[in-house]
Amino acid sequence: MVNELSEEEIIRRLRGFDHANYSELGPEATHRPLRAAAVLIPLIRQADQWHILYTRRTDIVEHHKGQVSFPGGGADPQDRSPEDTALRETEEEIGVRRGDVRVLGRLGEVATISHYVVTPVVGVIPWPYGFKVHTIEVERVISMPLAWLARRENRMEFVRSETGHSVITFLPYDGELLWGATARMTVNFIKALGVE
């Protein structure tokens, strides 16, 4: 069912979804100001299946070393919208030109333990695509099938004792572990599509 969704249907479902915000922060941490950020949830169509692209961050970046994440980052003063931020960061990190991305919509904001409030932007990238990976930030680009991500048996949820918030972790895929805020945004996207 998930692979039968057209881009237009994805747009319709994103618009019709109740995008609740999500926070990884405990009450004791909410006094710190949150910096605006955005990520791109990059969709590709490969072998008649939808896939989501992720990056694995290097061990030398400032935040979330070695973790699987979406391309994205903090908003710059010249960014007029979360879409501007997500597309600029995606171009900087993996070389996808902003004009090559068809933006389909957004999800609700996610507050992270690194004190960002992140807006996930959903967009389609033509496939195949020649990435130009910024090797200081990104170690590799990973593709995961949306149908695999949508299966509940491929993920688990537990509660962090220090914050009381739930954390989602997916089973390893292609040697990579998807968890935390990126996993939460992935699940929110799956819920928005109604394919869970």
N, C-alpha and C. Protein backbone atom coordinates (compact mmCIF):
# COMPACT_ATOMS: atom_id res chain seq x y z
N MET A 1 0.82 -1.20 0.00
CA MET A 1 0.00 0.00 0.00
C MET A 1 0.86 1.26 0.00
N VAL A 2 1.92 1.29 0.81
CA VAL A 2 2.75 2.49 0.91
C VAL A 2 3.40 2.83 -0.42
N ASN A 3 3.80 1.82 -1.19
CA ASN A 3 4.48 2.07 -2.45
C ASN A 3 3.54 2.51 -3.56
N GLU A 4 2.23 2.40 -3.32
CA GLU A 4 1.25 2.85 -4.31
C GLU A 4 0.91 4.33 -4.16
N LEU A 5 1.40 4.98 -3.10
CA LEU A 5 1.09 6.38 -2.89
C LEU A 5 1.76 7.26 -3.95
N SER A 6 0.98 8.16 -4.52
CA SER A 6 1.54 9.13 -5.46
C SER A 6 2.04 10.34 -4.67
N GLU A 7 2.81 11.17 -5.32
CA GLU A 7 3.26 12.41 -4.66
C GLU A 7 2.06 13.26 -4.26
N GLU A 8 1.07 13.33 -5.10
CA GLU A 8 -0.12 14.13 -4.80
C GLU A 8 -0.85 13.58 -3.57
N GLU A 9 -0.91 12.26 -3.45
CA GLU A 9 -1.56 11.65 -2.29
C GLU A 9 -0.76 11.91 -1.02
N ILE A 10 0.56 11.89 -1.12
CA ILE A 10 1.40 12.21 0.05
C ILE A 10 1.14 13.65 0.48
N ILE A 11 1.07 14.57 -0.47
CA ILE A 11 0.76 15.97 -0.15
C ILE A 11 -0.58 16.06 0.58
N ARG A 12 -1.59 15.39 0.04
CA ARG A 12 -2.93 15.44 0.64
C ARG A 12 -2.90 14.91 2.07
N ARG A 13 -2.22 13.80 2.29
CA ARG A 13 -2.18 13.21 3.63
C ARG A 13 -1.38 14.07 4.61
N LEU A 14 -0.31 14.69 4.15
CA LEU A 14 0.45 15.59 5.03
C LEU A 14 -0.42 16.78 5.45
N ARG A 15 -1.18 17.31 4.52
CA ARG A 15 -2.04 18.46 4.85
C ARG A 15 -3.15 18.08 5.82
N GLY A 16 -3.64 16.85 5.73
CA GLY A 16 -4.77 16.43 6.55
C GLY A 16 -4.38 15.86 7.91
N PHE A 17 -3.09 15.76 8.20
CA PHE A 17 -2.64 15.12 9.44
C PHE A 17 -2.55 16.14 10.57
N ASP A 18 -2.92 15.71 11.79
CA ASP A 18 -2.78 16.56 12.98
C ASP A 18 -1.33 16.47 13.45
N HIS A 19 -0.56 17.47 13.12
CA HIS A 19 0.88 17.47 13.39
C HIS A 19 1.18 17.95 14.81
N ALA A 20 1.08 17.05 15.77
CA ALA A 20 1.41 17.39 17.15
C ALA A 20 2.92 17.56 17.27
N ASN A 21 3.34 18.49 18.12
CA ASN A 21 4.76 18.68 18.38
C ASN A 21 5.24 17.61 19.34
N TYR A 22 6.53 17.35 19.34
CA TYR A 22 7.13 16.32 20.18
C TYR A 22 8.39 16.88 20.80
N SER A 23 8.63 16.54 22.05
CA SER A 23 9.83 17.03 22.73
C SER A 23 10.57 15.88 23.38
N GLU A 24 11.91 15.90 23.25
CA GLU A 24 12.78 14.97 23.96
C GLU A 24 13.26 15.59 25.27
N LEU A 25 12.86 16.82 25.52
CA LEU A 25 13.38 17.56 26.67
C LEU A 25 12.57 17.30 27.92
N GLY A 26 13.25 17.17 29.04
CA GLY A 26 12.59 17.10 30.32
C GLY A 26 12.24 18.48 30.81
N PRO A 27 11.38 18.60 31.82
CA PRO A 27 10.96 19.92 32.31
C PRO A 27 12.13 20.77 32.79
N GLU A 28 13.19 20.12 33.33
CA GLU A 28 14.31 20.89 33.86
C GLU A 28 15.15 21.53 32.76
N ALA A 29 14.99 21.09 31.51
CA ALA A 29 15.81 21.60 30.42
C ALA A 29 15.09 22.63 29.57
N THR A 30 13.82 22.85 29.82
CA THR A 30 13.05 23.72 28.94
C THR A 30 13.33 25.20 29.16
N HIS A 31 14.10 25.56 30.19
CA HIS A 31 14.42 26.97 30.42
C HIS A 31 15.46 27.48 29.42
N ARG A 32 16.20 26.57 28.78
CA ARG A 32 17.19 27.00 27.79
C ARG A 32 16.48 27.35 26.49
N PRO A 33 16.91 28.44 25.82
CA PRO A 33 16.29 28.77 24.53
C PRO A 33 16.60 27.70 23.49
N LEU A 34 15.62 27.45 22.63
CA LEU A 34 15.79 26.48 21.56
C LEU A 34 16.10 27.21 20.26
N ARG A 35 17.08 26.69 19.52
CA ARG A 35 17.45 27.27 18.24
C ARG A 35 16.63 26.63 17.13
N ALA A 36 16.16 27.44 16.20
CA ALA A 36 15.37 26.93 15.08
C ALA A 36 16.25 26.12 14.13
N ALA A 37 15.72 25.01 13.66
CA ALA A 37 16.42 24.14 12.72
C ALA A 37 15.39 23.48 11.83
N ALA A 38 15.87 22.89 10.74
CA ALA A 38 15.00 22.14 9.84
C ALA A 38 15.80 21.02 9.21
N VAL A 39 15.10 19.95 8.89
CA VAL A 39 15.70 18.82 8.17
C VAL A 39 14.84 18.50 6.97
N LEU A 40 15.46 17.84 6.00
CA LEU A 40 14.71 17.33 4.87
C LEU A 40 14.51 15.83 5.07
N ILE A 41 13.26 15.39 4.94
CA ILE A 41 12.97 13.95 4.86
C ILE A 41 12.96 13.66 3.36
N PRO A 42 14.11 13.18 2.83
CA PRO A 42 14.22 13.01 1.38
C PRO A 42 13.66 11.68 0.92
N LEU A 43 12.67 11.75 0.06
CA LEU A 43 12.07 10.56 -0.52
C LEU A 43 12.66 10.33 -1.91
N ILE A 44 12.91 9.06 -2.21
CA ILE A 44 13.29 8.68 -3.57
C ILE A 44 12.40 7.53 -4.00
N ARG A 45 12.25 7.38 -5.30
CA ARG A 45 11.48 6.27 -5.87
C ARG A 45 12.50 5.34 -6.52
N GLN A 46 12.71 4.17 -5.93
CA GLN A 46 13.71 3.22 -6.42
C GLN A 46 13.05 1.87 -6.61
N ALA A 47 13.15 1.32 -7.82
CA ALA A 47 12.54 0.02 -8.14
C ALA A 47 11.06 -0.02 -7.74
N ASP A 48 10.32 1.04 -8.09
CA ASP A 48 8.89 1.16 -7.80
C ASP A 48 8.56 1.13 -6.31
N GLN A 49 9.52 1.48 -5.47
CA GLN A 49 9.28 1.56 -4.04
C GLN A 49 9.76 2.91 -3.52
N TRP A 50 9.02 3.43 -2.52
CA TRP A 50 9.48 4.63 -1.84
C TRP A 50 10.57 4.27 -0.84
N HIS A 51 11.60 5.07 -0.81
CA HIS A 51 12.68 4.95 0.17
C HIS A 51 12.89 6.31 0.80
N ILE A 52 13.39 6.30 2.03
CA ILE A 52 13.81 7.54 2.69
C ILE A 52 15.33 7.51 2.74
N LEU A 53 15.95 8.66 2.43
CA LEU A 53 17.40 8.78 2.53
C LEU A 53 17.77 9.35 3.89
N TYR A 54 18.81 8.80 4.46
CA TYR A 54 19.38 9.29 5.71
C TYR A 54 20.87 9.48 5.49
N THR A 55 21.50 10.18 6.41
CA THR A 55 22.95 10.28 6.41
C THR A 55 23.47 9.72 7.72
N ARG A 56 24.69 9.20 7.68
CA ARG A 56 25.36 8.91 8.95
C ARG A 56 26.37 10.02 9.15
N ARG A 57 26.26 10.67 10.31
CA ARG A 57 27.15 11.78 10.63
C ARG A 57 28.54 11.25 10.97
N THR A 58 29.55 12.06 10.71
CA THR A 58 30.92 11.65 11.01
C THR A 58 31.16 11.72 12.52
N ASP A 59 32.31 11.27 12.92
CA ASP A 59 32.70 11.33 14.34
C ASP A 59 33.36 12.65 14.70
N ILE A 60 33.40 13.60 13.75
CA ILE A 60 34.05 14.88 14.05
C ILE A 60 33.08 16.06 14.05
N VAL A 61 31.81 15.81 13.79
CA VAL A 61 30.84 16.91 13.85
C VAL A 61 30.56 17.29 15.30
N GLU A 62 29.99 18.46 15.51
CA GLU A 62 29.78 18.96 16.87
C GLU A 62 28.71 18.17 17.63
N HIS A 63 27.58 17.91 16.98
CA HIS A 63 26.46 17.24 17.64
C HIS A 63 26.16 15.90 16.99
N HIS A 64 25.70 14.95 17.80
CA HIS A 64 25.19 13.66 17.32
C HIS A 64 26.20 12.89 16.46
N LYS A 65 27.41 12.82 16.95
CA LYS A 65 28.49 12.13 16.24
C LYS A 65 28.11 10.69 15.89
N GLY A 66 28.36 10.27 14.65
CA GLY A 66 28.15 8.91 14.22
C GLY A 66 26.71 8.46 14.13
N GLN A 67 25.77 9.36 14.34
CA GLN A 67 24.36 8.96 14.34
C GLN A 67 23.75 9.07 12.95
N VAL A 68 22.70 8.29 12.75
CA VAL A 68 21.91 8.37 11.53
C VAL A 68 20.95 9.54 11.67
N SER A 69 20.90 10.38 10.65
CA SER A 69 20.05 11.57 10.73
C SER A 69 19.57 11.94 9.34
N PHE A 70 18.66 12.91 9.31
CA PHE A 70 18.27 13.51 8.05
C PHE A 70 19.24 14.64 7.74
N PRO A 71 19.43 14.98 6.47
CA PRO A 71 20.23 16.18 6.18
C PRO A 71 19.49 17.40 6.71
N GLY A 72 20.22 18.29 7.34
CA GLY A 72 19.60 19.49 7.88
C GLY A 72 20.47 20.13 8.94
N GLY A 73 19.95 21.19 9.54
CA GLY A 73 20.72 21.87 10.57
C GLY A 73 20.04 23.15 10.99
N GLY A 74 20.80 23.98 11.70
CA GLY A 74 20.29 25.22 12.26
C GLY A 74 19.95 26.25 11.19
N ALA A 75 18.93 27.06 11.50
CA ALA A 75 18.51 28.12 10.59
C ALA A 75 19.54 29.24 10.59
N ASP A 76 19.78 29.80 9.42
CA ASP A 76 20.63 30.98 9.26
C ASP A 76 19.74 32.20 9.13
N PRO A 77 20.27 33.39 9.45
CA PRO A 77 19.44 34.60 9.35
C PRO A 77 18.83 34.83 7.97
N GLN A 78 19.51 34.41 6.91
CA GLN A 78 18.98 34.64 5.56
C GLN A 78 17.89 33.65 5.17
N ASP A 79 17.70 32.57 5.95
CA ASP A 79 16.66 31.60 5.63
C ASP A 79 15.29 32.21 5.92
N ARG A 80 14.40 32.19 4.93
CA ARG A 80 13.08 32.78 5.10
C ARG A 80 12.06 31.81 5.66
N SER A 81 12.40 30.50 5.64
CA SER A 81 11.42 29.50 6.06
C SER A 81 12.17 28.22 6.43
N PRO A 82 11.48 27.29 7.11
CA PRO A 82 12.10 25.98 7.35
C PRO A 82 12.49 25.28 6.05
N GLU A 83 11.71 25.48 5.00
CA GLU A 83 12.05 24.88 3.70
C GLU A 83 13.39 25.40 3.21
N ASP A 84 13.63 26.72 3.34
CA ASP A 84 14.93 27.30 2.95
C ASP A 84 16.06 26.65 3.73
N THR A 85 15.87 26.50 5.04
CA THR A 85 16.90 25.90 5.89
C THR A 85 17.18 24.47 5.47
N ALA A 86 16.12 23.67 5.32
CA ALA A 86 16.28 22.26 4.99
C ALA A 86 16.96 22.08 3.63
N LEU A 87 16.56 22.87 2.65
CA LEU A 87 17.13 22.72 1.31
C LEU A 87 18.58 23.22 1.26
N ARG A 88 18.87 24.32 1.95
CA ARG A 88 20.25 24.83 2.00
C ARG A 88 21.16 23.82 2.66
N GLU A 89 20.74 23.28 3.80
CA GLU A 89 21.57 22.30 4.53
C GLU A 89 21.75 21.01 3.72
N THR A 90 20.71 20.58 3.03
CA THR A 90 20.81 19.37 2.22
C THR A 90 21.81 19.57 1.09
N GLU A 91 21.79 20.75 0.48
CA GLU A 91 22.76 21.03 -0.57
C GLU A 91 24.18 21.06 0.00
N GLU A 92 24.35 21.67 1.17
CA GLU A 92 25.68 21.75 1.79
C GLU A 92 26.19 20.36 2.19
N GLU A 93 25.32 19.51 2.72
CA GLU A 93 25.75 18.23 3.28
C GLU A 93 25.92 17.13 2.25
N ILE A 94 24.98 17.03 1.29
CA ILE A 94 25.06 15.91 0.34
C ILE A 94 24.96 16.34 -1.12
N GLY A 95 25.00 17.65 -1.38
CA GLY A 95 25.09 18.15 -2.74
C GLY A 95 23.84 18.06 -3.57
N VAL A 96 22.67 17.96 -2.94
CA VAL A 96 21.41 17.94 -3.69
C VAL A 96 20.98 19.39 -3.92
N ARG A 97 20.95 19.80 -5.18
CA ARG A 97 20.56 21.17 -5.51
C ARG A 97 19.09 21.41 -5.12
N ARG A 98 18.85 22.56 -4.51
CA ARG A 98 17.50 22.84 -4.02
C ARG A 98 16.45 22.80 -5.12
N GLY A 99 16.82 23.17 -6.33
CA GLY A 99 15.88 23.13 -7.44
C GLY A 99 15.51 21.71 -7.88
N ASP A 100 16.28 20.73 -7.41
CA ASP A 100 16.00 19.33 -7.76
C ASP A 100 15.03 18.67 -6.78
N VAL A 101 14.68 19.36 -5.71
CA VAL A 101 13.80 18.79 -4.67
C VAL A 101 12.38 19.32 -4.87
N ARG A 102 11.43 18.40 -4.95
CA ARG A 102 10.02 18.81 -4.96
C ARG A 102 9.49 18.70 -3.54
N VAL A 103 9.26 19.86 -2.91
CA VAL A 103 8.77 19.88 -1.53
C VAL A 103 7.30 19.50 -1.51
N LEU A 104 6.96 18.53 -0.63
CA LEU A 104 5.58 18.03 -0.54
C LEU A 104 4.84 18.55 0.68
N GLY A 105 5.57 18.97 1.72
CA GLY A 105 4.92 19.46 2.93
C GLY A 105 5.85 19.38 4.12
N ARG A 106 5.27 19.53 5.31
CA ARG A 106 6.04 19.50 6.56
C ARG A 106 5.35 18.64 7.58
N LEU A 107 6.12 18.31 8.63
CA LEU A 107 5.59 17.67 9.83
C LEU A 107 5.67 18.66 10.98
N GLY A 108 5.08 18.29 12.13
CA GLY A 108 5.16 19.13 13.31
C GLY A 108 6.58 19.22 13.84
N GLU A 109 6.85 20.29 14.56
CA GLU A 109 8.19 20.53 15.11
C GLU A 109 8.57 19.48 16.16
N VAL A 110 9.88 19.24 16.28
CA VAL A 110 10.42 18.32 17.26
C VAL A 110 11.49 19.08 18.06
N ALA A 111 11.33 19.14 19.38
CA ALA A 111 12.36 19.73 20.25
C ALA A 111 13.33 18.63 20.64
N THR A 112 14.63 18.89 20.51
CA THR A 112 15.63 17.86 20.73
C THR A 112 16.47 18.13 21.98
N ILE A 113 17.16 17.08 22.43
CA ILE A 113 18.01 17.21 23.61
C ILE A 113 19.22 18.09 23.36
N SER A 114 19.53 18.36 22.10
CA SER A 114 20.62 19.29 21.79
C SER A 114 20.11 20.73 21.67
N HIS A 115 18.88 20.97 22.14
CA HIS A 115 18.28 22.29 22.25
C HIS A 115 18.00 22.98 20.91
N TYR A 116 17.48 22.18 19.98
CA TYR A 116 16.96 22.68 18.72
C TYR A 116 15.47 22.39 18.68
N VAL A 117 14.74 23.24 17.98
CA VAL A 117 13.37 22.92 17.63
C VAL A 117 13.37 22.74 16.11
N VAL A 118 13.14 21.50 15.68
CA VAL A 118 13.38 21.09 14.30
C VAL A 118 12.06 20.94 13.55
N THR A 119 12.00 21.55 12.37
CA THR A 119 10.86 21.37 11.48
C THR A 119 11.25 20.39 10.38
N PRO A 120 10.61 19.22 10.32
CA PRO A 120 10.88 18.28 9.23
C PRO A 120 10.11 18.68 7.96
N VAL A 121 10.83 18.79 6.86
CA VAL A 121 10.27 19.14 5.56
C VAL A 121 10.38 17.89 4.68
N VAL A 122 9.29 17.52 4.04
CA VAL A 122 9.26 16.32 3.20
C VAL A 122 9.45 16.74 1.74
N GLY A 123 10.38 16.07 1.05
CA GLY A 123 10.61 16.38 -0.35
C GLY A 123 11.06 15.17 -1.14
N VAL A 124 10.81 15.21 -2.43
CA VAL A 124 11.19 14.12 -3.33
C VAL A 124 12.42 14.54 -4.13
N ILE A 125 13.40 13.62 -4.17
CA ILE A 125 14.62 13.83 -4.95
C ILE A 125 14.56 12.88 -6.15
N PRO A 126 14.90 13.36 -7.36
CA PRO A 126 14.91 12.45 -8.51
C PRO A 126 15.96 11.36 -8.29
N TRP A 127 15.68 10.18 -8.83
CA TRP A 127 16.58 9.04 -8.64
C TRP A 127 16.86 8.38 -9.98
N PRO A 128 18.12 8.00 -10.24
CA PRO A 128 19.31 8.13 -9.40
C PRO A 128 19.81 9.57 -9.34
N TYR A 129 20.65 9.83 -8.34
CA TYR A 129 21.16 11.18 -8.12
C TYR A 129 22.64 11.10 -7.75
N GLY A 130 23.43 12.00 -8.28
CA GLY A 130 24.86 12.04 -7.97
C GLY A 130 25.14 12.93 -6.77
N PHE A 131 25.27 12.33 -5.60
CA PHE A 131 25.52 13.10 -4.38
C PHE A 131 26.96 13.61 -4.34
N LYS A 132 27.15 14.77 -3.73
CA LYS A 132 28.47 15.30 -3.42
C LYS A 132 28.52 15.47 -1.91
N VAL A 133 29.01 14.43 -1.24
CA VAL A 133 28.96 14.36 0.22
C VAL A 133 30.03 15.25 0.84
N HIS A 134 29.61 16.09 1.78
CA HIS A 134 30.53 16.92 2.56
C HIS A 134 31.12 16.05 3.65
N THR A 135 32.33 15.56 3.43
CA THR A 135 32.88 14.49 4.25
C THR A 135 33.25 14.91 5.67
N ILE A 136 33.25 16.18 5.98
CA ILE A 136 33.49 16.60 7.36
C ILE A 136 32.24 16.33 8.20
N GLU A 137 31.06 16.47 7.58
CA GLU A 137 29.80 16.28 8.31
C GLU A 137 29.19 14.90 8.09
N VAL A 138 29.29 14.37 6.88
CA VAL A 138 28.55 13.17 6.51
C VAL A 138 29.51 12.06 6.11
N GLU A 139 29.33 10.89 6.73
CA GLU A 139 30.15 9.73 6.38
C GLU A 139 29.57 8.94 5.22
N ARG A 140 28.23 8.79 5.21
CA ARG A 140 27.59 8.06 4.11
C ARG A 140 26.12 8.43 4.00
N VAL A 141 25.55 8.15 2.83
CA VAL A 141 24.12 8.31 2.57
C VAL A 141 23.52 6.92 2.55
N ILE A 142 22.39 6.75 3.25
CA ILE A 142 21.75 5.44 3.40
C ILE A 142 20.33 5.55 2.88
N SER A 143 19.87 4.51 2.21
CA SER A 143 18.50 4.42 1.73
C SER A 143 17.79 3.31 2.48
N MET A 144 16.63 3.62 3.07
CA MET A 144 15.82 2.61 3.76
C MET A 144 14.42 2.58 3.14
N PRO A 145 13.91 1.39 2.82
CA PRO A 145 12.58 1.31 2.22
C PRO A 145 11.49 1.79 3.20
N LEU A 146 10.60 2.62 2.70
CA LEU A 146 9.52 3.13 3.53
C LEU A 146 8.63 2.00 4.03
N ALA A 147 8.40 0.97 3.21
CA ALA A 147 7.57 -0.16 3.64
C ALA A 147 8.21 -0.89 4.82
N TRP A 148 9.54 -1.04 4.83
CA TRP A 148 10.24 -1.67 5.96
C TRP A 148 10.12 -0.80 7.20
N LEU A 149 10.30 0.50 7.04
CA LEU A 149 10.21 1.42 8.18
C LEU A 149 8.80 1.45 8.77
N ALA A 150 7.79 1.23 7.93
CA ALA A 150 6.40 1.30 8.38
C ALA A 150 5.97 0.07 9.18
N ARG A 151 6.71 -1.03 9.09
CA ARG A 151 6.33 -2.24 9.83
C ARG A 151 6.68 -2.09 11.31
N ARG A 152 5.67 -2.20 12.16
CA ARG A 152 5.86 -2.03 13.60
C ARG A 152 6.88 -3.00 14.19
N GLU A 153 6.97 -4.20 13.63
CA GLU A 153 7.90 -5.19 14.19
C GLU A 153 9.36 -4.80 13.98
N ASN A 154 9.61 -3.78 13.17
CA ASN A 154 10.98 -3.33 12.94
C ASN A 154 11.42 -2.20 13.87
N ARG A 155 10.59 -1.87 14.85
CA ARG A 155 10.97 -0.82 15.80
C ARG A 155 10.42 -1.13 17.18
N MET A 156 11.02 -0.49 18.17
CA MET A 156 10.55 -0.62 19.55
C MET A 156 10.58 0.75 20.20
N GLU A 157 9.86 0.88 21.29
CA GLU A 157 9.77 2.14 22.01
C GLU A 157 9.99 1.88 23.48
N PHE A 158 10.79 2.72 24.10
CA PHE A 158 11.01 2.61 25.54
C PHE A 158 11.00 4.00 26.15
N VAL A 159 10.89 4.08 27.47
CA VAL A 159 10.79 5.36 28.16
C VAL A 159 12.12 5.68 28.83
N ARG A 160 12.61 6.88 28.60
CA ARG A 160 13.85 7.34 29.25
C ARG A 160 13.52 7.69 30.70
N SER A 161 14.22 7.07 31.62
CA SER A 161 13.92 7.29 33.04
C SER A 161 14.19 8.72 33.47
N GLU A 162 15.20 9.38 32.90
CA GLU A 162 15.54 10.74 33.33
C GLU A 162 14.58 11.81 32.83
N THR A 163 13.85 11.54 31.73
CA THR A 163 12.93 12.55 31.21
C THR A 163 11.48 12.09 31.21
N GLY A 164 11.26 10.78 31.22
CA GLY A 164 9.90 10.26 31.13
C GLY A 164 9.35 10.26 29.71
N HIS A 165 10.17 10.66 28.74
CA HIS A 165 9.73 10.68 27.34
C HIS A 165 10.08 9.36 26.67
N SER A 166 9.27 8.99 25.70
CA SER A 166 9.52 7.75 24.99
C SER A 166 10.59 7.97 23.91
N VAL A 167 11.36 6.93 23.66
CA VAL A 167 12.40 6.93 22.63
C VAL A 167 12.11 5.78 21.68
N ILE A 168 12.19 6.04 20.40
CA ILE A 168 11.96 5.02 19.38
C ILE A 168 13.31 4.58 18.82
N THR A 169 13.46 3.27 18.68
CA THR A 169 14.65 2.69 18.06
C THR A 169 14.21 1.66 17.03
N PHE A 170 14.75 1.76 15.84
CA PHE A 170 14.49 0.77 14.80
C PHE A 170 15.53 -0.35 14.90
N LEU A 171 15.18 -1.51 14.39
CA LEU A 171 16.15 -2.58 14.25
C LEU A 171 17.24 -2.11 13.28
N PRO A 172 18.44 -2.65 13.38
CA PRO A 172 19.49 -2.24 12.43
C PRO A 172 19.08 -2.54 10.99
N TYR A 173 19.43 -1.63 10.10
CA TYR A 173 19.20 -1.81 8.67
C TYR A 173 20.48 -1.43 7.94
N ASP A 174 20.98 -2.31 7.11
CA ASP A 174 22.23 -2.07 6.38
C ASP A 174 23.34 -1.62 7.34
N GLY A 175 23.35 -2.22 8.53
CA GLY A 175 24.39 -1.92 9.51
C GLY A 175 24.20 -0.61 10.24
N GLU A 176 23.07 0.06 10.06
CA GLU A 176 22.84 1.37 10.67
C GLU A 176 21.69 1.30 11.68
N LEU A 177 21.82 2.08 12.74
CA LEU A 177 20.80 2.13 13.79
C LEU A 177 20.11 3.49 13.76
N LEU A 178 18.82 3.46 13.53
CA LEU A 178 17.99 4.67 13.47
C LEU A 178 17.25 4.79 14.79
N TRP A 179 17.47 5.90 15.52
CA TRP A 179 16.84 6.05 16.82
C TRP A 179 16.70 7.54 17.14
N GLY A 180 16.09 7.84 18.29
CA GLY A 180 16.00 9.21 18.78
C GLY A 180 15.07 10.09 17.96
N ALA A 181 15.45 11.38 17.85
CA ALA A 181 14.59 12.36 17.18
C ALA A 181 14.37 12.00 15.71
N THR A 182 15.39 11.47 15.04
CA THR A 182 15.23 11.10 13.63
C THR A 182 14.24 9.95 13.49
N ALA A 183 14.31 8.98 14.40
CA ALA A 183 13.33 7.88 14.38
C ALA A 183 11.93 8.41 14.68
N ARG A 184 11.81 9.35 15.62
CA ARG A 184 10.51 9.94 15.95
C ARG A 184 9.92 10.65 14.74
N MET A 185 10.74 11.43 14.04
CA MET A 185 10.25 12.12 12.84
C MET A 185 9.84 11.12 11.76
N THR A 186 10.59 10.03 11.64
CA THR A 186 10.24 8.99 10.67
C THR A 186 8.88 8.39 11.01
N VAL A 187 8.66 8.07 12.27
CA VAL A 187 7.38 7.49 12.69
C VAL A 187 6.25 8.51 12.51
N ASN A 188 6.50 9.77 12.82
CA ASN A 188 5.48 10.80 12.60
C ASN A 188 5.10 10.88 11.11
N PHE A 189 6.10 10.75 10.25
CA PHE A 189 5.82 10.76 8.81
C PHE A 189 4.99 9.55 8.40
N ILE A 190 5.34 8.39 8.93
CA ILE A 190 4.58 7.16 8.65
C ILE A 190 3.13 7.31 9.13
N LYS A 191 2.95 7.89 10.32
CA LYS A 191 1.60 8.12 10.84
C LYS A 191 0.85 9.10 9.97
N ALA A 192 1.52 10.14 9.50
CA ALA A 192 0.86 11.13 8.63
C ALA A 192 0.38 10.48 7.34
N LEU A 193 1.16 9.52 6.85
CA LEU A 193 0.76 8.82 5.62
C LEU A 193 -0.33 7.78 5.86
N GLY A 194 -0.51 7.39 7.12
CA GLY A 194 -1.53 6.38 7.44
C GLY A 194 -1.19 5.00 6.94
N VAL A 195 0.10 4.65 6.93
CA VAL A 195 0.53 3.36 6.38
C VAL A 195 1.11 2.44 7.45
N GLU A 196 0.91 2.76 8.69
CA GLU A 196 1.46 1.98 9.80
C GLU A 196 0.67 0.71 10.02
